[in-house]
Amino acid sequence: MLDKAQFIVVEGPIGAGKTSLAKRLAQRLEAELVPEQPDLNPFLARFYQNQERWALATQLSFLFQRIDQIGALEQRNTRIVSDFIIDKDPLFASLNLAQDELALYERVYAAMKPPQVRTPDLVIYLQAKPETLITRVQQRGLDAERRITETYLQRVAERYARFFYEFDSAPLFIVDAEVLNPVDLDDDFDLLLDRLRNMRSYREFFGYAA
């Protein structure tokens, strides 16, 4: 599966390691990295300080950013590794927005989402427990994320689990990031690549390191 995939996406909740793994994959595969860029969202730090006040502005800013990036993908003929899919944007909207804001967001999303969106050839979904996610978020020490709580990460992780339970738009490889660390450990990374190359089913789970 891996050797044929020209558009690979690594996804997972905040702190799961998706961006770091995407960078490592892109380097190993000599692919172009198309990362989500949360540091370019001017509302994100304010959102974590006051979610109710800044949720809609943050969500719309991410939506427009992702639409611009997705549109640019259509012009590329290179191999691509990314750390987001546009389909996850409504996931965060439903989690963070009040009902009236969500209704407004859904109208904007329906109007702005391109009618044709490039489908990934492979999606790698990293799973981890909320307590692991909060530890990793705290360790990386980003100013915008200092106010993230374990309760919020638990809600995010639950939404991701629900989303990918029903996901069937592309081949899906689910990685238990509790027992595997392909970001920092070379052996785990090489093992992940080997399993991806030998992936035969449309959906597979990888939860052991031997």
N, C-alpha and C. Protein backbone atom coordinates (compact mmCIF):
# COMPACT_ATOMS: atom_id res chain seq x y z
N MET A 1 0.83 -1.21 0.00
CA MET A 1 0.00 0.00 0.00
C MET A 1 0.86 1.26 0.00
N LEU A 2 1.88 1.29 0.86
CA LEU A 2 2.67 2.50 1.02
C LEU A 2 3.38 2.90 -0.26
N ASP A 3 3.97 1.94 -0.96
CA ASP A 3 4.77 2.27 -2.13
C ASP A 3 3.93 2.84 -3.27
N LYS A 4 2.64 2.52 -3.31
CA LYS A 4 1.77 3.02 -4.37
C LYS A 4 1.08 4.32 -3.99
N ALA A 5 1.04 4.64 -2.71
CA ALA A 5 0.30 5.82 -2.25
C ALA A 5 1.05 7.10 -2.61
N GLN A 6 0.38 7.98 -3.34
CA GLN A 6 0.96 9.26 -3.73
C GLN A 6 0.47 10.41 -2.85
N PHE A 7 -0.62 10.21 -2.14
CA PHE A 7 -1.16 11.23 -1.23
C PHE A 7 -1.46 10.55 0.09
N ILE A 8 -0.61 10.81 1.08
CA ILE A 8 -0.69 10.16 2.38
C ILE A 8 -1.04 11.21 3.43
N VAL A 9 -1.97 10.88 4.30
CA VAL A 9 -2.36 11.78 5.38
C VAL A 9 -2.14 11.09 6.72
N VAL A 10 -1.52 11.80 7.65
CA VAL A 10 -1.39 11.34 9.03
C VAL A 10 -2.33 12.19 9.87
N GLU A 11 -3.21 11.54 10.62
CA GLU A 11 -4.20 12.26 11.42
C GLU A 11 -4.21 11.73 12.85
N GLY A 12 -4.86 12.50 13.71
CA GLY A 12 -4.99 12.12 15.11
C GLY A 12 -5.23 13.34 15.96
N PRO A 13 -5.64 13.14 17.21
CA PRO A 13 -5.93 14.26 18.10
C PRO A 13 -4.68 15.05 18.46
N ILE A 14 -4.89 16.22 19.06
CA ILE A 14 -3.80 17.09 19.46
C ILE A 14 -2.85 16.33 20.39
N GLY A 15 -1.56 16.32 20.06
CA GLY A 15 -0.58 15.66 20.89
C GLY A 15 -0.29 14.22 20.50
N ALA A 16 -0.98 13.68 19.48
CA ALA A 16 -0.77 12.29 19.09
C ALA A 16 0.52 12.09 18.32
N GLY A 17 1.07 13.18 17.76
CA GLY A 17 2.32 13.08 17.01
C GLY A 17 2.15 13.10 15.51
N LYS A 18 0.99 13.53 15.03
CA LYS A 18 0.71 13.45 13.59
C LYS A 18 1.64 14.32 12.76
N THR A 19 1.90 15.54 13.22
CA THR A 19 2.76 16.43 12.43
C THR A 19 4.19 15.93 12.41
N SER A 20 4.69 15.48 13.55
CA SER A 20 6.06 14.95 13.61
C SER A 20 6.21 13.71 12.75
N LEU A 21 5.21 12.82 12.78
CA LEU A 21 5.29 11.62 11.95
C LEU A 21 5.17 11.98 10.47
N ALA A 22 4.31 12.92 10.14
CA ALA A 22 4.19 13.35 8.75
C ALA A 22 5.52 13.89 8.23
N LYS A 23 6.20 14.68 9.05
CA LYS A 23 7.51 15.21 8.64
C LYS A 23 8.50 14.09 8.41
N ARG A 24 8.50 13.11 9.31
CA ARG A 24 9.46 12.01 9.16
C ARG A 24 9.13 11.15 7.94
N LEU A 25 7.87 10.90 7.70
CA LEU A 25 7.47 10.14 6.52
C LEU A 25 7.86 10.87 5.24
N ALA A 26 7.58 12.17 5.19
CA ALA A 26 7.90 12.95 3.99
C ALA A 26 9.39 12.90 3.70
N GLN A 27 10.20 12.99 4.74
CA GLN A 27 11.64 12.94 4.55
C GLN A 27 12.08 11.58 4.03
N ARG A 28 11.58 10.50 4.64
CA ARG A 28 11.98 9.16 4.23
C ARG A 28 11.51 8.84 2.81
N LEU A 29 10.29 9.27 2.47
CA LEU A 29 9.71 8.95 1.16
C LEU A 29 10.09 9.96 0.09
N GLU A 30 10.85 10.99 0.49
CA GLU A 30 11.23 12.07 -0.43
C GLU A 30 9.97 12.69 -1.06
N ALA A 31 9.02 12.95 -0.19
CA ALA A 31 7.73 13.52 -0.61
C ALA A 31 7.64 14.97 -0.15
N GLU A 32 6.70 15.69 -0.74
CA GLU A 32 6.44 17.07 -0.33
C GLU A 32 5.56 17.07 0.91
N LEU A 33 5.95 17.83 1.91
CA LEU A 33 5.16 17.94 3.14
C LEU A 33 4.20 19.11 3.02
N VAL A 34 2.91 18.84 3.26
CA VAL A 34 1.89 19.89 3.27
C VAL A 34 1.26 19.88 4.67
N PRO A 35 1.83 20.64 5.60
CA PRO A 35 1.36 20.58 6.98
C PRO A 35 0.27 21.58 7.27
N GLU A 36 -0.57 21.21 8.23
CA GLU A 36 -1.47 22.19 8.82
C GLU A 36 -0.59 23.23 9.54
N GLN A 37 -1.04 24.48 9.57
CA GLN A 37 -0.19 25.53 10.14
C GLN A 37 -0.94 26.29 11.23
N PRO A 38 -1.09 25.67 12.40
CA PRO A 38 -1.85 26.32 13.47
C PRO A 38 -1.24 27.64 13.93
N ASP A 39 0.08 27.80 13.76
CA ASP A 39 0.72 29.04 14.18
C ASP A 39 0.29 30.23 13.34
N LEU A 40 -0.33 29.96 12.17
CA LEU A 40 -0.81 31.05 11.32
C LEU A 40 -2.25 31.44 11.64
N ASN A 41 -2.87 30.72 12.58
CA ASN A 41 -4.23 31.07 12.98
C ASN A 41 -4.16 32.12 14.09
N PRO A 42 -4.54 33.37 13.82
CA PRO A 42 -4.37 34.44 14.81
C PRO A 42 -5.28 34.32 16.02
N PHE A 43 -6.27 33.42 15.96
CA PHE A 43 -7.25 33.31 17.04
C PHE A 43 -6.99 32.13 17.97
N LEU A 44 -6.03 31.25 17.63
CA LEU A 44 -5.90 29.99 18.34
C LEU A 44 -5.53 30.18 19.81
N ALA A 45 -4.56 31.02 20.10
CA ALA A 45 -4.15 31.23 21.49
C ALA A 45 -5.31 31.80 22.30
N ARG A 46 -6.06 32.71 21.69
CA ARG A 46 -7.20 33.29 22.39
C ARG A 46 -8.31 32.26 22.61
N PHE A 47 -8.44 31.31 21.66
CA PHE A 47 -9.43 30.25 21.81
C PHE A 47 -9.16 29.41 23.05
N TYR A 48 -7.90 29.04 23.27
CA TYR A 48 -7.59 28.21 24.44
C TYR A 48 -7.75 28.98 25.74
N GLN A 49 -7.73 30.31 25.69
CA GLN A 49 -7.97 31.12 26.88
C GLN A 49 -9.46 31.30 27.14
N ASN A 50 -10.24 31.42 26.06
CA ASN A 50 -11.69 31.65 26.19
C ASN A 50 -12.37 30.99 25.00
N GLN A 51 -12.68 29.70 25.15
CA GLN A 51 -13.19 28.92 24.02
C GLN A 51 -14.53 29.44 23.53
N GLU A 52 -15.40 29.79 24.45
CA GLU A 52 -16.73 30.25 24.04
C GLU A 52 -16.65 31.52 23.21
N ARG A 53 -15.77 32.43 23.57
CA ARG A 53 -15.66 33.71 22.88
C ARG A 53 -15.01 33.59 21.50
N TRP A 54 -14.02 32.71 21.37
CA TRP A 54 -13.20 32.71 20.16
C TRP A 54 -13.36 31.46 19.30
N ALA A 55 -14.28 30.58 19.62
CA ALA A 55 -14.42 29.32 18.89
C ALA A 55 -14.76 29.54 17.42
N LEU A 56 -15.73 30.39 17.13
CA LEU A 56 -16.16 30.56 15.75
C LEU A 56 -15.06 31.19 14.89
N ALA A 57 -14.42 32.24 15.39
CA ALA A 57 -13.34 32.87 14.63
C ALA A 57 -12.20 31.89 14.38
N THR A 58 -11.86 31.11 15.39
CA THR A 58 -10.79 30.11 15.23
C THR A 58 -11.16 29.08 14.19
N GLN A 59 -12.40 28.59 14.26
CA GLN A 59 -12.84 27.54 13.35
C GLN A 59 -12.88 28.03 11.90
N LEU A 60 -13.39 29.22 11.69
CA LEU A 60 -13.46 29.75 10.33
C LEU A 60 -12.08 30.03 9.78
N SER A 61 -11.17 30.50 10.62
CA SER A 61 -9.81 30.74 10.16
C SER A 61 -9.15 29.44 9.71
N PHE A 62 -9.33 28.37 10.49
CA PHE A 62 -8.80 27.07 10.08
C PHE A 62 -9.47 26.58 8.79
N LEU A 63 -10.77 26.78 8.68
CA LEU A 63 -11.49 26.32 7.50
C LEU A 63 -10.94 26.96 6.23
N PHE A 64 -10.78 28.26 6.24
CA PHE A 64 -10.27 28.95 5.05
C PHE A 64 -8.83 28.54 4.76
N GLN A 65 -8.04 28.35 5.80
CA GLN A 65 -6.66 27.90 5.60
C GLN A 65 -6.63 26.53 4.94
N ARG A 66 -7.46 25.62 5.44
CA ARG A 66 -7.47 24.26 4.90
C ARG A 66 -8.01 24.23 3.48
N ILE A 67 -9.01 25.04 3.20
CA ILE A 67 -9.54 25.09 1.83
C ILE A 67 -8.49 25.58 0.86
N ASP A 68 -7.73 26.60 1.26
CA ASP A 68 -6.65 27.09 0.40
C ASP A 68 -5.60 26.01 0.15
N GLN A 69 -5.25 25.27 1.20
CA GLN A 69 -4.24 24.22 1.04
C GLN A 69 -4.76 23.06 0.19
N ILE A 70 -6.02 22.68 0.41
CA ILE A 70 -6.60 21.60 -0.38
C ILE A 70 -6.67 22.00 -1.85
N GLY A 71 -7.04 23.25 -2.13
CA GLY A 71 -7.07 23.72 -3.51
C GLY A 71 -5.72 23.66 -4.16
N ALA A 72 -4.67 24.00 -3.41
CA ALA A 72 -3.32 23.97 -3.96
C ALA A 72 -2.86 22.55 -4.26
N LEU A 73 -3.38 21.55 -3.53
CA LEU A 73 -2.99 20.17 -3.77
C LEU A 73 -3.35 19.72 -5.18
N GLU A 74 -4.45 20.25 -5.70
CA GLU A 74 -4.91 19.84 -7.03
C GLU A 74 -3.91 20.22 -8.12
N GLN A 75 -3.04 21.19 -7.83
CA GLN A 75 -2.09 21.65 -8.82
C GLN A 75 -0.76 20.90 -8.75
N ARG A 76 -0.60 20.04 -7.76
CA ARG A 76 0.68 19.37 -7.56
C ARG A 76 0.66 17.97 -8.17
N ASN A 77 1.78 17.59 -8.78
CA ASN A 77 1.95 16.25 -9.33
C ASN A 77 2.97 15.45 -8.53
N THR A 78 3.45 16.00 -7.43
CA THR A 78 4.45 15.33 -6.61
C THR A 78 3.78 14.43 -5.59
N ARG A 79 4.59 13.57 -4.99
CA ARG A 79 4.11 12.76 -3.88
C ARG A 79 3.95 13.66 -2.66
N ILE A 80 2.86 13.49 -1.93
CA ILE A 80 2.53 14.41 -0.84
C ILE A 80 2.26 13.65 0.45
N VAL A 81 2.76 14.21 1.55
CA VAL A 81 2.39 13.76 2.89
C VAL A 81 1.83 14.97 3.62
N SER A 82 0.65 14.81 4.20
CA SER A 82 0.01 15.91 4.93
C SER A 82 -0.41 15.43 6.31
N ASP A 83 -0.75 16.38 7.18
CA ASP A 83 -1.17 16.02 8.53
C ASP A 83 -2.59 16.45 8.83
N PHE A 84 -3.41 16.58 7.77
CA PHE A 84 -4.82 16.90 8.01
C PHE A 84 -5.65 16.48 6.80
N ILE A 85 -6.93 16.24 7.05
CA ILE A 85 -7.90 16.07 5.98
C ILE A 85 -9.02 17.09 6.22
N ILE A 86 -9.57 17.61 5.15
CA ILE A 86 -10.59 18.64 5.27
C ILE A 86 -11.83 18.12 5.99
N ASP A 87 -12.08 16.81 5.92
CA ASP A 87 -13.26 16.23 6.53
C ASP A 87 -13.26 16.35 8.05
N LYS A 88 -12.08 16.57 8.64
CA LYS A 88 -12.05 16.67 10.10
C LYS A 88 -12.43 18.06 10.59
N ASP A 89 -12.56 19.02 9.69
CA ASP A 89 -12.90 20.38 10.12
C ASP A 89 -14.27 20.42 10.79
N PRO A 90 -15.31 19.80 10.22
CA PRO A 90 -16.60 19.79 10.93
C PRO A 90 -16.56 19.06 12.26
N LEU A 91 -15.60 18.14 12.42
CA LEU A 91 -15.46 17.44 13.70
C LEU A 91 -15.18 18.44 14.81
N PHE A 92 -14.22 19.34 14.58
CA PHE A 92 -13.89 20.33 15.59
C PHE A 92 -15.00 21.37 15.73
N ALA A 93 -15.67 21.68 14.62
CA ALA A 93 -16.78 22.64 14.69
C ALA A 93 -17.89 22.11 15.60
N SER A 94 -18.25 20.86 15.43
CA SER A 94 -19.32 20.28 16.26
C SER A 94 -18.90 20.17 17.72
N LEU A 95 -17.61 20.07 17.95
CA LEU A 95 -17.11 19.97 19.32
C LEU A 95 -17.07 21.32 20.02
N ASN A 96 -16.71 22.37 19.28
CA ASN A 96 -16.39 23.65 19.90
C ASN A 96 -17.47 24.72 19.80
N LEU A 97 -18.38 24.61 18.85
CA LEU A 97 -19.30 25.70 18.58
C LEU A 97 -20.66 25.51 19.24
N ALA A 98 -21.26 26.63 19.66
CA ALA A 98 -22.65 26.60 20.11
C ALA A 98 -23.55 26.31 18.91
N GLN A 99 -24.79 25.94 19.17
CA GLN A 99 -25.67 25.48 18.10
C GLN A 99 -25.90 26.55 17.03
N ASP A 100 -26.09 27.80 17.43
CA ASP A 100 -26.32 28.84 16.43
C ASP A 100 -25.06 29.11 15.61
N GLU A 101 -23.89 29.07 16.27
CA GLU A 101 -22.63 29.23 15.54
C GLU A 101 -22.37 28.04 14.62
N LEU A 102 -22.70 26.84 15.10
CA LEU A 102 -22.51 25.65 14.28
C LEU A 102 -23.36 25.71 13.01
N ALA A 103 -24.59 26.19 13.14
CA ALA A 103 -25.46 26.33 11.97
C ALA A 103 -24.85 27.30 10.96
N LEU A 104 -24.30 28.41 11.45
CA LEU A 104 -23.63 29.36 10.57
C LEU A 104 -22.41 28.75 9.93
N TYR A 105 -21.60 28.05 10.73
CA TYR A 105 -20.41 27.39 10.20
C TYR A 105 -20.78 26.40 9.09
N GLU A 106 -21.81 25.60 9.31
CA GLU A 106 -22.19 24.58 8.33
C GLU A 106 -22.60 25.21 7.00
N ARG A 107 -23.23 26.38 7.05
CA ARG A 107 -23.58 27.09 5.81
C ARG A 107 -22.32 27.56 5.09
N VAL A 108 -21.38 28.10 5.85
CA VAL A 108 -20.11 28.55 5.26
C VAL A 108 -19.35 27.36 4.69
N TYR A 109 -19.29 26.26 5.44
CA TYR A 109 -18.57 25.06 4.99
C TYR A 109 -19.17 24.53 3.69
N ALA A 110 -20.49 24.44 3.63
CA ALA A 110 -21.15 23.93 2.42
C ALA A 110 -20.89 24.83 1.23
N ALA A 111 -20.82 26.12 1.45
CA ALA A 111 -20.60 27.06 0.35
C ALA A 111 -19.15 27.10 -0.10
N MET A 112 -18.21 26.88 0.83
CA MET A 112 -16.80 27.07 0.52
C MET A 112 -16.06 25.79 0.15
N LYS A 113 -16.50 24.64 0.63
CA LYS A 113 -15.77 23.41 0.35
C LYS A 113 -15.78 23.12 -1.15
N PRO A 114 -14.61 22.88 -1.75
CA PRO A 114 -14.56 22.59 -3.18
C PRO A 114 -15.40 21.36 -3.52
N PRO A 115 -16.08 21.37 -4.67
CA PRO A 115 -16.91 20.22 -5.04
C PRO A 115 -16.10 18.96 -5.27
N GLN A 116 -14.85 19.13 -5.71
CA GLN A 116 -13.96 18.00 -5.91
C GLN A 116 -12.75 18.16 -5.00
N VAL A 117 -12.58 17.24 -4.08
CA VAL A 117 -11.45 17.26 -3.16
C VAL A 117 -10.63 16.00 -3.37
N ARG A 118 -9.33 16.18 -3.50
CA ARG A 118 -8.46 15.03 -3.72
C ARG A 118 -8.55 14.07 -2.54
N THR A 119 -8.79 12.81 -2.83
CA THR A 119 -8.94 11.79 -1.80
C THR A 119 -7.58 11.18 -1.48
N PRO A 120 -7.23 11.05 -0.21
CA PRO A 120 -5.95 10.40 0.13
C PRO A 120 -5.90 8.96 -0.36
N ASP A 121 -4.72 8.51 -0.72
CA ASP A 121 -4.51 7.11 -1.05
C ASP A 121 -4.33 6.27 0.20
N LEU A 122 -3.97 6.93 1.30
CA LEU A 122 -3.74 6.24 2.57
C LEU A 122 -3.88 7.23 3.71
N VAL A 123 -4.61 6.86 4.75
CA VAL A 123 -4.73 7.67 5.96
C VAL A 123 -4.18 6.87 7.14
N ILE A 124 -3.26 7.47 7.87
CA ILE A 124 -2.68 6.86 9.08
C ILE A 124 -3.26 7.61 10.28
N TYR A 125 -3.97 6.90 11.12
CA TYR A 125 -4.65 7.51 12.27
C TYR A 125 -3.94 7.08 13.55
N LEU A 126 -3.40 8.06 14.29
CA LEU A 126 -2.70 7.80 15.55
C LEU A 126 -3.66 7.92 16.72
N GLN A 127 -3.74 6.89 17.52
CA GLN A 127 -4.58 6.88 18.71
C GLN A 127 -3.72 6.99 19.97
N ALA A 128 -4.22 7.72 20.98
CA ALA A 128 -3.54 7.78 22.27
C ALA A 128 -4.55 8.21 23.32
N LYS A 129 -4.28 7.85 24.57
CA LYS A 129 -5.17 8.19 25.68
C LYS A 129 -5.03 9.68 26.02
N PRO A 130 -6.09 10.29 26.57
CA PRO A 130 -6.03 11.71 26.91
C PRO A 130 -4.87 12.07 27.84
N GLU A 131 -4.58 11.21 28.81
CA GLU A 131 -3.48 11.51 29.74
C GLU A 131 -2.13 11.52 29.02
N THR A 132 -2.01 10.69 27.98
CA THR A 132 -0.79 10.70 27.17
C THR A 132 -0.73 11.96 26.32
N LEU A 133 -1.86 12.33 25.75
CA LEU A 133 -1.92 13.52 24.91
C LEU A 133 -1.55 14.78 25.70
N ILE A 134 -2.10 14.92 26.90
CA ILE A 134 -1.83 16.13 27.68
C ILE A 134 -0.36 16.18 28.09
N THR A 135 0.23 15.04 28.38
CA THR A 135 1.66 15.01 28.72
C THR A 135 2.50 15.48 27.55
N ARG A 136 2.16 15.01 26.36
CA ARG A 136 2.93 15.40 25.18
C ARG A 136 2.73 16.87 24.84
N VAL A 137 1.52 17.35 25.01
CA VAL A 137 1.26 18.77 24.75
C VAL A 137 2.06 19.64 25.71
N GLN A 138 2.10 19.25 26.97
CA GLN A 138 2.85 20.01 27.96
C GLN A 138 4.35 19.95 27.70
N GLN A 139 4.83 18.81 27.23
CA GLN A 139 6.26 18.65 26.97
C GLN A 139 6.73 19.53 25.81
N ARG A 140 5.89 19.71 24.80
CA ARG A 140 6.35 20.52 23.67
C ARG A 140 6.24 22.01 23.97
N GLY A 141 5.47 22.40 24.97
CA GLY A 141 5.54 23.73 25.54
C GLY A 141 5.20 24.88 24.62
N LEU A 142 4.25 24.70 23.71
CA LEU A 142 3.84 25.79 22.84
C LEU A 142 2.96 26.77 23.61
N ASP A 143 3.24 28.05 23.45
CA ASP A 143 2.49 29.06 24.19
C ASP A 143 0.99 28.98 23.94
N ALA A 144 0.60 28.75 22.70
CA ALA A 144 -0.82 28.73 22.35
C ALA A 144 -1.56 27.57 23.00
N GLU A 145 -0.81 26.53 23.42
CA GLU A 145 -1.45 25.32 23.95
C GLU A 145 -1.38 25.19 25.47
N ARG A 146 -0.85 26.19 26.14
CA ARG A 146 -0.62 26.07 27.58
C ARG A 146 -1.92 25.89 28.37
N ARG A 147 -3.03 26.37 27.85
CA ARG A 147 -4.29 26.29 28.58
C ARG A 147 -5.16 25.09 28.16
N ILE A 148 -4.64 24.23 27.31
CA ILE A 148 -5.40 23.02 26.95
C ILE A 148 -5.52 22.13 28.17
N THR A 149 -6.71 21.60 28.40
CA THR A 149 -6.95 20.73 29.55
C THR A 149 -7.10 19.28 29.10
N GLU A 150 -6.89 18.37 30.04
CA GLU A 150 -7.07 16.95 29.73
C GLU A 150 -8.53 16.66 29.40
N THR A 151 -9.46 17.38 30.02
CA THR A 151 -10.88 17.19 29.72
C THR A 151 -11.18 17.52 28.26
N TYR A 152 -10.60 18.61 27.79
CA TYR A 152 -10.81 18.98 26.38
C TYR A 152 -10.18 17.93 25.46
N LEU A 153 -8.99 17.46 25.78
CA LEU A 153 -8.34 16.46 24.94
C LEU A 153 -9.11 15.15 24.95
N GLN A 154 -9.76 14.83 26.06
CA GLN A 154 -10.59 13.63 26.11
C GLN A 154 -11.76 13.75 25.13
N ARG A 155 -12.37 14.92 25.08
CA ARG A 155 -13.47 15.15 24.14
C ARG A 155 -12.98 15.07 22.70
N VAL A 156 -11.80 15.64 22.45
CA VAL A 156 -11.23 15.58 21.10
C VAL A 156 -10.95 14.14 20.70
N ALA A 157 -10.32 13.38 21.61
CA ALA A 157 -9.99 11.98 21.31
C ALA A 157 -11.25 11.16 21.05
N GLU A 158 -12.31 11.42 21.81
CA GLU A 158 -13.56 10.69 21.60
C GLU A 158 -14.17 11.01 20.25
N ARG A 159 -14.12 12.27 19.84
CA ARG A 159 -14.65 12.66 18.53
C ARG A 159 -13.85 12.02 17.41
N TYR A 160 -12.54 11.98 17.56
CA TYR A 160 -11.70 11.33 16.55
C TYR A 160 -12.03 9.85 16.45
N ALA A 161 -12.17 9.19 17.59
CA ALA A 161 -12.48 7.76 17.58
C ALA A 161 -13.80 7.51 16.87
N ARG A 162 -14.79 8.34 17.15
CA ARG A 162 -16.09 8.20 16.51
C ARG A 162 -15.99 8.47 15.00
N PHE A 163 -15.23 9.51 14.65
CA PHE A 163 -15.08 9.88 13.24
C PHE A 163 -14.43 8.74 12.45
N PHE A 164 -13.34 8.20 12.96
CA PHE A 164 -12.62 7.18 12.20
C PHE A 164 -13.28 5.81 12.32
N TYR A 165 -14.15 5.61 13.29
CA TYR A 165 -14.93 4.37 13.34
C TYR A 165 -15.82 4.26 12.10
N GLU A 166 -16.32 5.40 11.64
CA GLU A 166 -17.21 5.42 10.49
C GLU A 166 -16.50 5.79 9.18
N PHE A 167 -15.22 6.09 9.25
CA PHE A 167 -14.48 6.59 8.08
C PHE A 167 -14.27 5.48 7.06
N ASP A 168 -14.65 5.74 5.81
CA ASP A 168 -14.43 4.76 4.75
C ASP A 168 -14.05 5.42 3.43
N SER A 169 -13.57 6.65 3.48
CA SER A 169 -13.26 7.39 2.26
C SER A 169 -11.92 6.99 1.67
N ALA A 170 -11.07 6.34 2.46
CA ALA A 170 -9.74 5.97 2.00
C ALA A 170 -9.24 4.80 2.85
N PRO A 171 -8.24 4.05 2.37
CA PRO A 171 -7.64 3.02 3.21
C PRO A 171 -7.12 3.62 4.51
N LEU A 172 -7.41 2.94 5.62
CA LEU A 172 -7.12 3.49 6.94
C LEU A 172 -6.21 2.54 7.71
N PHE A 173 -5.10 3.09 8.23
CA PHE A 173 -4.17 2.33 9.05
C PHE A 173 -4.15 2.96 10.43
N ILE A 174 -4.66 2.24 11.44
CA ILE A 174 -4.82 2.77 12.79
C ILE A 174 -3.62 2.32 13.63
N VAL A 175 -2.94 3.28 14.25
CA VAL A 175 -1.74 2.99 15.02
C VAL A 175 -2.00 3.31 16.50
N ASP A 176 -1.71 2.36 17.37
CA ASP A 176 -1.80 2.60 18.80
C ASP A 176 -0.53 3.32 19.23
N ALA A 177 -0.60 4.62 19.37
CA ALA A 177 0.57 5.43 19.73
C ALA A 177 0.91 5.32 21.21
N GLU A 178 0.15 4.51 21.95
CA GLU A 178 0.50 4.23 23.34
C GLU A 178 1.67 3.26 23.43
N VAL A 179 1.72 2.30 22.53
CA VAL A 179 2.74 1.26 22.59
C VAL A 179 3.78 1.40 21.49
N LEU A 180 3.51 2.24 20.50
CA LEU A 180 4.45 2.49 19.41
C LEU A 180 4.82 3.96 19.39
N ASN A 181 6.08 4.24 19.12
CA ASN A 181 6.54 5.62 19.03
C ASN A 181 7.35 5.79 17.74
N PRO A 182 6.68 5.80 16.59
CA PRO A 182 7.40 5.91 15.32
C PRO A 182 8.00 7.29 15.09
N VAL A 183 7.67 8.26 15.93
CA VAL A 183 8.26 9.59 15.80
C VAL A 183 9.68 9.61 16.34
N ASP A 184 9.88 9.01 17.52
CA ASP A 184 11.17 9.11 18.19
C ASP A 184 12.03 7.85 18.12
N LEU A 185 11.40 6.70 17.88
CA LEU A 185 12.15 5.44 17.89
C LEU A 185 12.32 4.91 16.47
N ASP A 186 13.57 4.73 16.06
CA ASP A 186 13.85 4.27 14.70
C ASP A 186 13.26 2.90 14.43
N ASP A 187 13.36 2.00 15.41
CA ASP A 187 12.84 0.64 15.19
C ASP A 187 11.33 0.67 14.98
N ASP A 188 10.62 1.47 15.76
CA ASP A 188 9.17 1.57 15.58
C ASP A 188 8.82 2.20 14.25
N PHE A 189 9.58 3.19 13.84
CA PHE A 189 9.33 3.83 12.55
C PHE A 189 9.55 2.84 11.40
N ASP A 190 10.64 2.10 11.44
CA ASP A 190 10.90 1.11 10.39
C ASP A 190 9.85 0.01 10.40
N LEU A 191 9.42 -0.39 11.59
CA LEU A 191 8.37 -1.40 11.69
C LEU A 191 7.06 -0.90 11.10
N LEU A 192 6.75 0.38 11.37
CA LEU A 192 5.54 0.99 10.79
C LEU A 192 5.61 0.98 9.27
N LEU A 193 6.75 1.38 8.72
CA LEU A 193 6.89 1.38 7.26
C LEU A 193 6.71 -0.01 6.68
N ASP A 194 7.27 -1.00 7.35
CA ASP A 194 7.14 -2.37 6.88
C ASP A 194 5.69 -2.82 6.88
N ARG A 195 4.96 -2.51 7.94
CA ARG A 195 3.55 -2.89 8.00
C ARG A 195 2.73 -2.15 6.95
N LEU A 196 3.05 -0.90 6.71
CA LEU A 196 2.33 -0.14 5.70
C LEU A 196 2.59 -0.70 4.30
N ARG A 197 3.81 -1.09 4.04
CA ARG A 197 4.13 -1.67 2.72
C ARG A 197 3.40 -2.99 2.50
N ASN A 198 3.13 -3.70 3.58
CA ASN A 198 2.47 -5.00 3.47
C ASN A 198 0.98 -4.93 3.77
N MET A 199 0.43 -3.73 3.87
CA MET A 199 -0.99 -3.55 4.14
C MET A 199 -1.80 -4.08 2.96
N ARG A 200 -2.76 -4.94 3.23
CA ARG A 200 -3.58 -5.53 2.17
C ARG A 200 -5.06 -5.21 2.34
N SER A 201 -5.50 -4.98 3.56
CA SER A 201 -6.91 -4.70 3.81
C SER A 201 -7.19 -3.21 3.71
N TYR A 202 -8.45 -2.85 3.56
CA TYR A 202 -8.85 -1.45 3.47
C TYR A 202 -8.70 -0.75 4.82
N ARG A 203 -8.78 -1.54 5.90
CA ARG A 203 -8.65 -1.00 7.27
C ARG A 203 -7.84 -1.99 8.09
N GLU A 204 -6.75 -1.49 8.69
CA GLU A 204 -5.92 -2.34 9.52
C GLU A 204 -5.55 -1.61 10.80
N PHE A 205 -5.28 -2.41 11.85
CA PHE A 205 -4.90 -1.86 13.15
C PHE A 205 -3.52 -2.37 13.52
N PHE A 206 -2.65 -1.49 13.98
CA PHE A 206 -1.31 -1.84 14.37
C PHE A 206 -1.12 -1.43 15.82
N GLY A 207 -1.08 -2.44 16.71
CA GLY A 207 -1.03 -2.10 18.12
C GLY A 207 0.01 -2.87 18.91
N TYR A 208 1.01 -3.39 18.23
CA TYR A 208 2.06 -4.08 18.94
C TYR A 208 3.39 -3.76 18.29
N ALA A 209 4.46 -3.91 19.05
CA ALA A 209 5.78 -3.49 18.57
C ALA A 209 6.72 -4.66 18.37
N ALA A 210 6.15 -5.80 18.03
CA ALA A 210 7.02 -6.96 17.79
C ALA A 210 6.36 -7.85 16.77
